[in-house]
Amino acid sequence: MAAMPFYFENNPVIAVAVSGGPDSMALLHLLNQLTRVVAVTVEHGLRSESLAEAKSVGAWCKKHKIEHHILEWHGAKPKSALHETARAARYELLEKFCREKNILHLATAHHADDQAETILQRIAKASGPMGLAGMAEHSFAQHLHVWRPFLHVRKAELIAYCEAQKILFVRDASNENLNYARGRLRGAAEVLAAEGLTVENLNLLAQKQRGVVEVLENATVKFLAAQARLIAGVGGSISADHFALQPIAVQQHALAYVLKLVSAGGAPIRYESLSDMCGALTTPGFRARTLGHCRIMHKKINKQNFIRITPEALSPKR
């Protein structure tokens, strides 16, 4: 593993999300040699054997003198979108745990094969540049730095590492379940690879898109710095005339940033919705609409045209 780039502090404590699979066990083993780690296993309660697997991780950690915690996902489980809901619950539990323990860093074992599957799913949903850039090695949640150091490592390498180091690991059969998108993609891996949709090529696509996103973000930041006035959670305004002069990609990126800031978070807004709103904002006669829990309207201030954005709850009645 390459030298670890950390944010906020030196000699950090790192929470490691450990399912018991070969990827997360390899990550835990490696990081434990480099710094202090705290292993955290989320027990979703979706499989009869999952609690026993979580406890086996705890036994391995005890043997290697690693602090280990099991976080349980309680409550009713949805009948649809189960994987997406479970993923959201997992991150919510991990983030809450880290906040309570004053841990600023969470490491996850997402690898190159995971990245390839993510890209395929986003291609299927016609994602924009940010979606096709895939998972980032470093990202930030509320009070938390999330680190994914294995994004350039194949899963086969992680299995081989565990076998060489005699690290016990479990295999989650649900990963191959054809009822879920990732299971179907794994089942079709050979067919996709024969058409050039290999793990390597899909990761290369993500890498290229990250370069595009970097250029796009730089252009967007410069535009907002010059032409926007924003207060998080309160509202903001953007010069409508300058907004209309921007490339559509910058318009969409800027609008997405502002809506997220003003609304204080929420789910990502779909590309089609952003595109439709940007088209409306640059059309004569636009008055007001809502998107991303915000009200968006045109307003003239000192004879200049502005796009005014406020949270729905704070929006003035017209």
C-alpha atoms as a PDB file:
ATOM      1  CA  MET A   1       0.000   0.000   0.000  1.00  0.00           C
ATOM      2  CA  ALA A   2       1.284   3.458  -0.919  1.00  0.00           C
ATOM      3  CA  ALA A   3       1.938   6.178   1.647  1.00  0.00           C
ATOM      4  CA  MET A   4      -1.300   7.293   3.267  1.00  0.00           C
ATOM      5  CA  PRO A   5      -2.459  10.855   2.538  1.00  0.00           C
ATOM      6  CA  PHE A   6      -4.515  12.089   5.480  1.00  0.00           C
ATOM      7  CA  TYR A   7      -6.543  15.196   6.085  1.00  0.00           C
ATOM      8  CA  PHE A   8      -7.066  17.154   9.297  1.00  0.00           C
ATOM      9  CA  GLU A   9      -4.514  15.437  11.544  1.00  0.00           C
ATOM     10  CA  ASN A  10      -1.293  13.458  11.852  1.00  0.00           C
ATOM     11  CA  ASN A  11      -1.205   9.866  13.161  1.00  0.00           C
ATOM     12  CA  PRO A  12      -4.961   9.439  12.827  1.00  0.00           C
ATOM     13  CA  VAL A  13      -7.231   6.757  14.176  1.00  0.00           C
ATOM     14  CA  ILE A  14      -9.003   5.136  11.231  1.00  0.00           C
ATOM     15  CA  ALA A  15     -12.350   3.382  11.411  1.00  0.00           C
ATOM     16  CA  VAL A  16     -12.352   0.485   8.948  1.00  0.00           C
ATOM     17  CA  ALA A  17     -15.639  -0.842   7.585  1.00  0.00           C
ATOM     18  CA  VAL A  18     -15.213  -4.619   7.754  1.00  0.00           C
ATOM     19  CA  SER A  19     -17.797  -7.057   6.416  1.00  0.00           C
ATOM     20  CA  GLY A  20     -15.579 -10.115   6.771  1.00  0.00           C
ATOM     21  CA  GLY A  21     -15.032 -10.471   3.022  1.00  0.00           C
ATOM     22  CA  PRO A  22     -11.527 -10.718   1.533  1.00  0.00           C
ATOM     23  CA  ASP A  23     -11.380  -7.071   0.462  1.00  0.00           C
ATOM     24  CA  SER A  24     -12.223  -5.574   3.871  1.00  0.00           C
ATOM     25  CA  MET A  25     -10.149  -8.128   5.774  1.00  0.00           C
ATOM     26  CA  ALA A  26      -7.134  -7.311   3.585  1.00  0.00           C
ATOM     27  CA  LEU A  27      -7.692  -3.602   4.212  1.00  0.00           C
ATOM     28  CA  LEU A  28      -7.924  -4.091   7.968  1.00  0.00           C
ATOM     29  CA  HIS A  29      -4.787  -6.258   8.034  1.00  0.00           C
ATOM     30  CA  LEU A  30      -2.774  -3.734   6.019  1.00  0.00           C
ATOM     31  CA  LEU A  31      -3.901  -0.616   7.861  1.00  0.00           C
ATOM     32  CA  ASN A  32      -3.330  -2.235  11.237  1.00  0.00           C
ATOM     33  CA  GLN A  33       0.353  -2.422  10.356  1.00  0.00           C
ATOM     34  CA  LEU A  34       0.494   1.297   9.608  1.00  0.00           C
ATOM     35  CA  THR A  35      -1.652   3.094  12.181  1.00  0.00           C
ATOM     36  CA  ARG A  36      -4.251   2.607  14.896  1.00  0.00           C
ATOM     37  CA  VAL A  37      -7.492   1.171  13.519  1.00  0.00           C
ATOM     38  CA  VAL A  38     -10.969   0.517  14.859  1.00  0.00           C
ATOM     39  CA  ALA A  39     -12.882  -2.200  13.004  1.00  0.00           C
ATOM     40  CA  VAL A  40     -16.605  -1.644  12.493  1.00  0.00           C
ATOM     41  CA  THR A  41     -19.014  -4.240  11.122  1.00  0.00           C
ATOM     42  CA  VAL A  42     -22.552  -3.332  10.124  1.00  0.00           C
ATOM     43  CA  GLU A  43     -24.959  -6.225  10.699  1.00  0.00           C
ATOM     44  CA  HIS A  44     -27.939  -5.655   8.408  1.00  0.00           C
ATOM     45  CA  GLY A  45     -29.879  -8.697   9.581  1.00  0.00           C
ATOM     46  CA  LEU A  46     -30.664  -9.667   5.989  1.00  0.00           C
ATOM     47  CA  ARG A  47     -29.057 -13.124   6.035  1.00  0.00           C
ATOM     48  CA  SER A  48     -29.299 -15.827   8.688  1.00  0.00           C
ATOM     49  CA  GLU A  49     -25.525 -16.204   8.821  1.00  0.00           C
ATOM     50  CA  SER A  50     -24.620 -12.490   8.912  1.00  0.00           C
ATOM     51  CA  LEU A  51     -24.468 -12.135  12.709  1.00  0.00           C
ATOM     52  CA  ALA A  52     -22.180 -15.176  12.992  1.00  0.00           C
ATOM     53  CA  GLU A  53     -19.939 -13.641  10.316  1.00  0.00           C
ATOM     54  CA  ALA A  54     -19.811 -10.353  12.223  1.00  0.00           C
ATOM     55  CA  LYS A  55     -18.837 -12.213  15.381  1.00  0.00           C
ATOM     56  CA  SER A  56     -16.116 -14.092  13.482  1.00  0.00           C
ATOM     57  CA  VAL A  57     -14.655 -10.730  12.486  1.00  0.00           C
ATOM     58  CA  GLY A  58     -14.748  -9.765  16.153  1.00  0.00           C
ATOM     59  CA  ALA A  59     -12.915 -12.960  17.124  1.00  0.00           C
ATOM     60  CA  TRP A  60     -10.202 -12.278  14.512  1.00  0.00           C
ATOM     61  CA  CYS A  61      -9.854  -8.698  15.773  1.00  0.00           C
ATOM     62  CA  LYS A  62      -9.588  -9.854  19.385  1.00  0.00           C
ATOM     63  CA  LYS A  63      -6.800 -12.237  18.407  1.00  0.00           C
ATOM     64  CA  HIS A  64      -4.932  -9.365  16.735  1.00  0.00           C
ATOM     65  CA  LYS A  65      -5.729  -6.854  19.524  1.00  0.00           C
ATOM     66  CA  ILE A  66      -7.900  -4.648  17.318  1.00  0.00           C
ATOM     67  CA  GLU A  67     -10.909  -2.818  18.753  1.00  0.00           C
ATOM     68  CA  HIS A  68     -14.084  -4.067  17.062  1.00  0.00           C
ATOM     69  CA  HIS A  69     -17.706  -2.932  17.093  1.00  0.00           C
ATOM     70  CA  ILE A  70     -20.855  -4.431  15.580  1.00  0.00           C
ATOM     71  CA  LEU A  71     -23.541  -1.944  14.499  1.00  0.00           C
ATOM     72  CA  GLU A  72     -27.000  -3.409  13.947  1.00  0.00           C
ATOM     73  CA  TRP A  73     -29.541  -2.110  11.451  1.00  0.00           C
ATOM     74  CA  HIS A  74     -32.894  -2.264  13.221  1.00  0.00           C
ATOM     75  CA  GLY A  75     -36.360  -1.690  11.882  1.00  0.00           C
ATOM     76  CA  ALA A  76     -38.438  -2.973   8.991  1.00  0.00           C
ATOM     77  CA  LYS A  77     -36.604  -3.842   5.791  1.00  0.00           C
ATOM     78  CA  PRO A  78     -38.052  -2.582   2.490  1.00  0.00           C
ATOM     79  CA  LYS A  79     -39.291  -5.003  -0.143  1.00  0.00           C
ATOM     80  CA  SER A  80     -37.908  -2.907  -3.022  1.00  0.00           C
ATOM     81  CA  ALA A  81     -34.580  -1.104  -3.507  1.00  0.00           C
ATOM     82  CA  LEU A  82     -33.195  -3.203  -0.655  1.00  0.00           C
ATOM     83  CA  HIS A  83     -29.520  -2.871  -1.594  1.00  0.00           C
ATOM     84  CA  GLU A  84     -29.763   0.908  -2.005  1.00  0.00           C
ATOM     85  CA  THR A  85     -31.585   1.273   1.320  1.00  0.00           C
ATOM     86  CA  ALA A  86     -29.121  -1.028   3.089  1.00  0.00           C
ATOM     87  CA  ARG A  87     -26.193   0.954   1.690  1.00  0.00           C
ATOM     88  CA  ALA A  88     -27.685   4.237   2.945  1.00  0.00           C
ATOM     89  CA  ALA A  89     -28.333   2.688   6.364  1.00  0.00           C
ATOM     90  CA  ARG A  90     -24.782   1.330   6.500  1.00  0.00           C
ATOM     91  CA  TYR A  91     -23.233   4.743   5.871  1.00  0.00           C
ATOM     92  CA  GLU A  92     -25.603   6.400   8.321  1.00  0.00           C
ATOM     93  CA  LEU A  93     -24.585   3.956  11.054  1.00  0.00           C
ATOM     94  CA  LEU A  94     -20.874   4.284  10.236  1.00  0.00           C
ATOM     95  CA  GLU A  95     -20.990   8.086  10.170  1.00  0.00           C
ATOM     96  CA  LYS A  96     -22.888   8.219  13.470  1.00  0.00           C
ATOM     97  CA  PHE A  97     -20.389   5.837  15.072  1.00  0.00           C
ATOM     98  CA  CYS A  98     -17.421   7.912  13.907  1.00  0.00           C
ATOM     99  CA  ARG A  99     -18.963  11.142  15.174  1.00  0.00           C
ATOM    100  CA  GLU A 100     -19.659   9.618  18.577  1.00  0.00           C
ATOM    101  CA  LYS A 101     -16.087   8.276  18.799  1.00  0.00           C
ATOM    102  CA  ASN A 102     -14.527  11.509  17.463  1.00  0.00           C
ATOM    103  CA  ILE A 103     -12.979   9.592  14.559  1.00  0.00           C
ATOM    104  CA  LEU A 104     -12.396  11.715  11.463  1.00  0.00           C
ATOM    105  CA  HIS A 105     -11.444   8.961   8.989  1.00  0.00           C
ATOM    106  CA  LEU A 106     -13.377   6.010   7.634  1.00  0.00           C
ATOM    107  CA  ALA A 107     -11.692   3.537   5.257  1.00  0.00           C
ATOM    108  CA  THR A 108     -13.734   1.278   3.007  1.00  0.00           C
ATOM    109  CA  ALA A 109     -12.491  -1.570   0.830  1.00  0.00           C
ATOM    110  CA  HIS A 110     -14.153  -0.690  -2.479  1.00  0.00           C
ATOM    111  CA  HIS A 111     -11.901  -2.017  -5.238  1.00  0.00           C
ATOM    112  CA  ALA A 112     -11.483  -1.825  -9.013  1.00  0.00           C
ATOM    113  CA  ASP A 113     -14.154  -4.463  -9.663  1.00  0.00           C
ATOM    114  CA  ASP A 114     -16.619  -2.473  -7.534  1.00  0.00           C
ATOM    115  CA  GLN A 115     -15.721   0.660  -9.448  1.00  0.00           C
ATOM    116  CA  ALA A 116     -16.359  -1.068 -12.781  1.00  0.00           C
ATOM    117  CA  GLU A 117     -19.796  -2.245 -11.635  1.00  0.00           C
ATOM    118  CA  THR A 118     -20.603   1.254 -10.400  1.00  0.00           C
ATOM    119  CA  ILE A 119     -19.706   2.716 -13.802  1.00  0.00           C
ATOM    120  CA  LEU A 120     -21.872   0.143 -15.622  1.00  0.00           C
ATOM    121  CA  GLN A 121     -24.834   0.976 -13.388  1.00  0.00           C
ATOM    122  CA  ARG A 122     -24.372   4.679 -14.023  1.00  0.00           C
ATOM    123  CA  ILE A 123     -24.046   4.166 -17.777  1.00  0.00           C
ATOM    124  CA  ALA A 124     -27.381   2.330 -17.631  1.00  0.00           C
ATOM    125  CA  LYS A 125     -28.891   5.398 -15.913  1.00  0.00           C
ATOM    126  CA  ALA A 126     -27.338   7.825 -18.433  1.00  0.00           C
ATOM    127  CA  SER A 127     -25.351   9.599 -15.717  1.00  0.00           C
ATOM    128  CA  GLY A 128     -23.442  12.804 -16.422  1.00  0.00           C
ATOM    129  CA  PRO A 129     -19.677  13.356 -16.023  1.00  0.00           C
ATOM    130  CA  MET A 130     -19.758  13.262 -12.223  1.00  0.00           C
ATOM    131  CA  GLY A 131     -21.584   9.935 -12.199  1.00  0.00           C
ATOM    132  CA  LEU A 132     -19.281   8.395 -14.791  1.00  0.00           C
ATOM    133  CA  ALA A 133     -16.262   9.493 -12.739  1.00  0.00           C
ATOM    134  CA  GLY A 134     -17.260   6.744 -10.318  1.00  0.00           C
ATOM    135  CA  MET A 135     -16.338   6.579  -6.665  1.00  0.00           C
ATOM    136  CA  ALA A 136     -13.665   9.006  -5.505  1.00  0.00           C
ATOM    137  CA  GLU A 137     -10.677   7.836  -3.484  1.00  0.00           C
ATOM    138  CA  HIS A 138     -11.330  10.674  -1.047  1.00  0.00           C
ATOM    139  CA  SER A 139     -14.761  12.083  -0.265  1.00  0.00           C
ATOM    140  CA  PHE A 140     -16.322  13.920   2.641  1.00  0.00           C
ATOM    141  CA  ALA A 141     -19.473  13.266   4.638  1.00  0.00           C
ATOM    142  CA  GLN A 142     -20.645  15.269   7.643  1.00  0.00           C
ATOM    143  CA  HIS A 143     -17.557  15.621   9.886  1.00  0.00           C
ATOM    144  CA  LEU A 144     -15.956  12.629   8.155  1.00  0.00           C
ATOM    145  CA  HIS A 145     -13.250  11.895   5.599  1.00  0.00           C
ATOM    146  CA  VAL A 146     -14.043   8.708   3.650  1.00  0.00           C
ATOM    147  CA  TRP A 147     -11.023   6.980   2.123  1.00  0.00           C
ATOM    148  CA  ARG A 148     -11.119   4.206  -0.506  1.00  0.00           C
ATOM    149  CA  PRO A 149      -7.475   3.152  -1.003  1.00  0.00           C
ATOM    150  CA  PHE A 150      -8.198  -0.015  -3.040  1.00  0.00           C
ATOM    151  CA  LEU A 151      -9.943   1.561  -6.038  1.00  0.00           C
ATOM    152  CA  HIS A 152      -7.051   0.569  -8.313  1.00  0.00           C
ATOM    153  CA  VAL A 153      -6.707  -2.961  -6.922  1.00  0.00           C
ATOM    154  CA  ARG A 154      -8.479  -6.011  -8.395  1.00  0.00           C
ATOM    155  CA  LYS A 155     -10.498  -8.211  -6.063  1.00  0.00           C
ATOM    156  CA  ALA A 156      -8.487 -11.270  -7.143  1.00  0.00           C
ATOM    157  CA  GLU A 157      -5.360  -9.590  -5.751  1.00  0.00           C
ATOM    158  CA  LEU A 158      -7.073  -9.052  -2.400  1.00  0.00           C
ATOM    159  CA  ILE A 159      -8.173 -12.684  -2.237  1.00  0.00           C
ATOM    160  CA  ALA A 160      -4.626 -13.777  -3.054  1.00  0.00           C
ATOM    161  CA  TYR A 161      -3.288 -11.474  -0.312  1.00  0.00           C
ATOM    162  CA  CYS A 162      -5.620 -12.973   2.295  1.00  0.00           C
ATOM    163  CA  GLU A 163      -4.692 -16.488   1.256  1.00  0.00           C
ATOM    164  CA  ALA A 164      -0.965 -15.703   1.389  1.00  0.00           C
ATOM    165  CA  GLN A 165      -1.310 -14.102   4.832  1.00  0.00           C
ATOM    166  CA  LYS A 166      -3.649 -16.889   6.041  1.00  0.00           C
ATOM    167  CA  ILE A 167      -6.393 -14.371   6.809  1.00  0.00           C
ATOM    168  CA  LEU A 168      -9.777 -16.011   7.193  1.00  0.00           C
ATOM    169  CA  PHE A 169     -12.611 -14.404   5.221  1.00  0.00           C
ATOM    170  CA  VAL A 170     -16.218 -15.100   4.306  1.00  0.00           C
ATOM    171  CA  ARG A 171     -17.985 -15.055   0.953  1.00  0.00           C
ATOM    172  CA  ASP A 172     -21.353 -13.280   0.793  1.00  0.00           C
ATOM    173  CA  ALA A 173     -23.543 -15.350  -1.538  1.00  0.00           C
ATOM    174  CA  SER A 174     -25.958 -12.415  -1.954  1.00  0.00           C
ATOM    175  CA  ASN A 175     -23.285 -10.681  -4.053  1.00  0.00           C
ATOM    176  CA  GLU A 176     -24.045 -13.200  -6.800  1.00  0.00           C
ATOM    177  CA  ASN A 177     -27.842 -13.019  -6.390  1.00  0.00           C
ATOM    178  CA  LEU A 178     -29.420 -12.346  -9.795  1.00  0.00           C
ATOM    179  CA  ASN A 179     -32.281 -10.498  -8.097  1.00  0.00           C
ATOM    180  CA  TYR A 180     -29.895  -7.575  -7.622  1.00  0.00           C
ATOM    181  CA  ALA A 181     -28.254  -5.418 -10.291  1.00  0.00           C
ATOM    182  CA  ARG A 182     -24.694  -6.075  -9.122  1.00  0.00           C
ATOM    183  CA  GLY A 183     -25.311  -9.810  -9.115  1.00  0.00           C
ATOM    184  CA  ARG A 184     -26.611  -9.694 -12.689  1.00  0.00           C
ATOM    185  CA  LEU A 185     -23.620  -7.622 -13.795  1.00  0.00           C
ATOM    186  CA  ARG A 186     -21.213 -10.107 -12.223  1.00  0.00           C
ATOM    187  CA  GLY A 187     -23.040 -12.928 -13.960  1.00  0.00           C
ATOM    188  CA  ALA A 188     -22.608 -11.139 -17.289  1.00  0.00           C
ATOM    189  CA  ALA A 189     -18.962 -10.162 -16.700  1.00  0.00           C
ATOM    190  CA  GLU A 190     -17.502 -12.475 -19.355  1.00  0.00           C
ATOM    191  CA  VAL A 191     -19.960 -11.329 -22.031  1.00  0.00           C
ATOM    192  CA  LEU A 192     -19.328  -7.663 -21.214  1.00  0.00           C
ATOM    193  CA  ALA A 193     -15.554  -8.148 -21.199  1.00  0.00           C
ATOM    194  CA  ALA A 194     -15.723  -9.789 -24.640  1.00  0.00           C
ATOM    195  CA  GLU A 195     -17.270  -6.555 -25.943  1.00  0.00           C
ATOM    196  CA  GLY A 196     -14.528  -4.441 -24.362  1.00  0.00           C
ATOM    197  CA  LEU A 197     -16.362  -3.557 -21.168  1.00  0.00           C
ATOM    198  CA  THR A 198     -13.567  -4.923 -19.010  1.00  0.00           C
ATOM    199  CA  VAL A 199     -12.778  -3.839 -15.458  1.00  0.00           C
ATOM    200  CA  GLU A 200      -9.652  -2.107 -16.780  1.00  0.00           C
ATOM    201  CA  ASN A 201     -11.490  -0.166 -19.499  1.00  0.00           C
ATOM    202  CA  LEU A 202     -14.326   0.862 -17.199  1.00  0.00           C
ATOM    203  CA  ASN A 203     -11.842   2.126 -14.611  1.00  0.00           C
ATOM    204  CA  LEU A 204     -10.016   3.995 -17.387  1.00  0.00           C
ATOM    205  CA  LEU A 205     -13.321   5.632 -18.335  1.00  0.00           C
ATOM    206  CA  ALA A 206     -13.802   6.722 -14.714  1.00  0.00           C
ATOM    207  CA  GLN A 207     -10.271   8.121 -14.624  1.00  0.00           C
ATOM    208  CA  LYS A 208     -10.859  10.150 -17.808  1.00  0.00           C
ATOM    209  CA  GLN A 209     -14.165  11.448 -16.497  1.00  0.00           C
ATOM    210  CA  ARG A 210     -12.503  12.576 -13.256  1.00  0.00           C
ATOM    211  CA  GLY A 211     -10.263  14.787 -15.399  1.00  0.00           C
ATOM    212  CA  VAL A 212     -13.338  16.240 -17.098  1.00  0.00           C
ATOM    213  CA  VAL A 213     -15.036  16.800 -13.734  1.00  0.00           C
ATOM    214  CA  GLU A 214     -11.964  18.584 -12.386  1.00  0.00           C
ATOM    215  CA  VAL A 215     -12.038  21.069 -15.293  1.00  0.00           C
ATOM    216  CA  LEU A 216     -15.792  21.479 -14.892  1.00  0.00           C
ATOM    217  CA  GLU A 217     -15.541  22.075 -11.145  1.00  0.00           C
ATOM    218  CA  ASN A 218     -12.790  24.668 -11.600  1.00  0.00           C
ATOM    219  CA  ALA A 219     -14.892  26.565 -14.147  1.00  0.00           C
ATOM    220  CA  THR A 220     -17.961  26.341 -11.909  1.00  0.00           C
ATOM    221  CA  VAL A 221     -16.128  27.548  -8.802  1.00  0.00           C
ATOM    222  CA  LYS A 222     -14.741  30.560 -10.690  1.00  0.00           C
ATOM    223  CA  PHE A 223     -18.173  31.420 -12.053  1.00  0.00           C
ATOM    224  CA  LEU A 224     -19.890  31.178  -8.662  1.00  0.00           C
ATOM    225  CA  ALA A 225     -17.143  33.164  -6.947  1.00  0.00           C
ATOM    226  CA  ALA A 226     -17.591  35.998  -9.436  1.00  0.00           C
ATOM    227  CA  GLN A 227     -21.344  35.964 -10.016  1.00  0.00           C
ATOM    228  CA  ALA A 228     -23.085  34.440  -6.975  1.00  0.00           C
ATOM    229  CA  ARG A 229     -23.852  35.506  -3.428  1.00  0.00           C
ATOM    230  CA  LEU A 230     -24.711  32.542  -1.223  1.00  0.00           C
ATOM    231  CA  ILE A 231     -25.508  31.810   2.427  1.00  0.00           C
ATOM    232  CA  ALA A 232     -25.809  28.132   3.345  1.00  0.00           C
ATOM    233  CA  GLY A 233     -29.318  27.180   4.408  1.00  0.00           C
ATOM    234  CA  VAL A 234     -30.630  30.704   3.818  1.00  0.00           C
ATOM    235  CA  GLY A 235     -30.474  31.391   0.112  1.00  0.00           C
ATOM    236  CA  GLY A 236     -28.556  33.107  -2.619  1.00  0.00           C
ATOM    237  CA  SER A 237     -28.617  34.849  -5.954  1.00  0.00           C
ATOM    238  CA  ILE A 238     -26.784  34.383  -9.255  1.00  0.00           C
ATOM    239  CA  SER A 239     -26.448  36.883 -12.063  1.00  0.00           C
ATOM    240  CA  ALA A 240     -29.023  35.680 -14.599  1.00  0.00           C
ATOM    241  CA  ASP A 241     -27.289  37.357 -17.536  1.00  0.00           C
ATOM    242  CA  HIS A 242     -23.915  35.760 -16.764  1.00  0.00           C
ATOM    243  CA  PHE A 243     -25.599  32.411 -16.039  1.00  0.00           C
ATOM    244  CA  ALA A 244     -27.117  32.427 -19.517  1.00  0.00           C
ATOM    245  CA  LEU A 245     -23.650  32.886 -21.069  1.00  0.00           C
ATOM    246  CA  GLN A 246     -22.177  29.781 -19.424  1.00  0.00           C
ATOM    247  CA  PRO A 247     -21.893  26.399 -21.172  1.00  0.00           C
ATOM    248  CA  ILE A 248     -24.796  24.140 -20.237  1.00  0.00           C
ATOM    249  CA  ALA A 249     -22.483  21.827 -18.254  1.00  0.00           C
ATOM    250  CA  VAL A 250     -21.331  24.740 -16.059  1.00  0.00           C
ATOM    251  CA  GLN A 251     -24.929  25.915 -15.624  1.00  0.00           C
ATOM    252  CA  GLN A 252     -25.986  22.465 -14.420  1.00  0.00           C
ATOM    253  CA  HIS A 253     -22.985  22.043 -12.142  1.00  0.00           C
ATOM    254  CA  ALA A 254     -23.424  25.513 -10.622  1.00  0.00           C
ATOM    255  CA  LEU A 255     -27.141  25.004 -10.066  1.00  0.00           C
ATOM    256  CA  ALA A 256     -26.539  21.618  -8.426  1.00  0.00           C
ATOM    257  CA  TYR A 257     -23.971  23.140  -6.043  1.00  0.00           C
ATOM    258  CA  VAL A 258     -26.216  26.047  -5.093  1.00  0.00           C
ATOM    259  CA  LEU A 259     -29.302  23.885  -4.550  1.00  0.00           C
ATOM    260  CA  LYS A 260     -27.355  21.516  -2.307  1.00  0.00           C
ATOM    261  CA  LEU A 261     -25.903  24.405  -0.299  1.00  0.00           C
ATOM    262  CA  VAL A 262     -29.164  26.293   0.081  1.00  0.00           C
ATOM    263  CA  SER A 263     -31.282  23.226   0.883  1.00  0.00           C
ATOM    264  CA  ALA A 264     -28.647  21.856   3.318  1.00  0.00           C
ATOM    265  CA  GLY A 265     -28.205  18.546   1.542  1.00  0.00           C
ATOM    266  CA  GLY A 266     -30.685  15.993   0.295  1.00  0.00           C
ATOM    267  CA  ALA A 267     -30.463  13.414  -2.453  1.00  0.00           C
ATOM    268  CA  PRO A 268     -28.559  14.236  -5.666  1.00  0.00           C
ATOM    269  CA  ILE A 269     -30.725  15.888  -8.312  1.00  0.00           C
ATOM    270  CA  ARG A 270     -31.133  13.983 -11.566  1.00  0.00           C
ATOM    271  CA  TYR A 271     -29.292  15.221 -14.643  1.00  0.00           C
ATOM    272  CA  GLU A 272     -32.557  15.553 -16.600  1.00  0.00           C
ATOM    273  CA  SER A 273     -34.103  17.754 -13.912  1.00  0.00           C
ATOM    274  CA  LEU A 274     -31.083  20.054 -13.823  1.00  0.00           C
ATOM    275  CA  SER A 275     -31.032  20.277 -17.627  1.00  0.00           C
ATOM    276  CA  ASP A 276     -34.736  21.102 -17.749  1.00  0.00           C
ATOM    277  CA  MET A 277     -34.376  23.777 -15.065  1.00  0.00           C
ATOM    278  CA  CYS A 278     -31.370  25.398 -16.767  1.00  0.00           C
ATOM    279  CA  GLY A 279     -33.333  25.551 -20.008  1.00  0.00           C
ATOM    280  CA  ALA A 280     -36.245  27.187 -18.214  1.00  0.00           C
ATOM    281  CA  LEU A 281     -34.007  29.715 -16.458  1.00  0.00           C
ATOM    282  CA  THR A 282     -32.643  30.958 -19.773  1.00  0.00           C
ATOM    283  CA  THR A 283     -36.094  31.180 -21.413  1.00  0.00           C
ATOM    284  CA  PRO A 284     -37.881  34.571 -21.541  1.00  0.00           C
ATOM    285  CA  GLY A 285     -40.947  34.693 -19.326  1.00  0.00           C
ATOM    286  CA  PHE A 286     -39.657  32.339 -16.633  1.00  0.00           C
ATOM    287  CA  ARG A 287     -41.202  33.149 -13.268  1.00  0.00           C
ATOM    288  CA  ALA A 288     -40.670  30.526 -10.568  1.00  0.00           C
ATOM    289  CA  ARG A 289     -40.340  26.775 -10.040  1.00  0.00           C
ATOM    290  CA  THR A 290     -39.163  24.369  -7.346  1.00  0.00           C
ATOM    291  CA  LEU A 291     -36.349  21.832  -7.471  1.00  0.00           C
ATOM    292  CA  GLY A 292     -34.255  20.107  -4.801  1.00  0.00           C
ATOM    293  CA  HIS A 293     -36.474  21.484  -1.984  1.00  0.00           C
ATOM    294  CA  CYS A 294     -35.752  25.030  -3.151  1.00  0.00           C
ATOM    295  CA  ARG A 295     -37.787  27.731  -4.853  1.00  0.00           C
ATOM    296  CA  ILE A 296     -36.079  29.259  -7.885  1.00  0.00           C
ATOM    297  CA  MET A 297     -37.241  32.543  -9.391  1.00  0.00           C
ATOM    298  CA  HIS A 298     -36.088  35.492 -11.471  1.00  0.00           C
ATOM    299  CA  LYS A 299     -35.762  38.799  -9.661  1.00  0.00           C
ATOM    300  CA  LYS A 300     -34.634  42.251 -10.760  1.00  0.00           C
ATOM    301  CA  ILE A 301     -32.407  44.142  -8.296  1.00  0.00           C
ATOM    302  CA  ASN A 302     -31.103  47.637  -9.173  1.00  0.00           C
ATOM    303  CA  LYS A 303     -32.047  47.021 -12.809  1.00  0.00           C
ATOM    304  CA  GLN A 304     -29.998  43.809 -12.930  1.00  0.00           C
ATOM    305  CA  ASN A 305     -31.464  40.352 -13.470  1.00  0.00           C
ATOM    306  CA  PHE A 306     -30.808  37.702 -10.845  1.00  0.00           C
ATOM    307  CA  ILE A 307     -31.744  34.088 -10.245  1.00  0.00           C
ATOM    308  CA  ARG A 308     -32.982  33.978  -6.661  1.00  0.00           C
ATOM    309  CA  ILE A 309     -32.852  30.629  -4.808  1.00  0.00           C
ATOM    310  CA  THR A 310     -34.323  30.027  -1.351  1.00  0.00           C
ATOM    311  CA  PRO A 311     -35.314  26.953   0.689  1.00  0.00           C
ATOM    312  CA  GLU A 312     -38.985  26.116   0.092  1.00  0.00           C
ATOM    313  CA  ALA A 313     -39.830  26.753   3.758  1.00  0.00           C
ATOM    314  CA  LEU A 314     -38.301  30.249   3.600  1.00  0.00           C
ATOM    315  CA  SER A 315     -39.472  31.227   0.123  1.00  0.00           C
ATOM    316  CA  PRO A 316     -41.488  34.432  -0.027  1.00  0.00           C
ATOM    317  CA  LYS A 317     -45.097  34.114  -1.229  1.00  0.00           C
ATOM    318  CA  ARG A 318     -45.859  35.745  -4.521  1.00  0.00           C
END
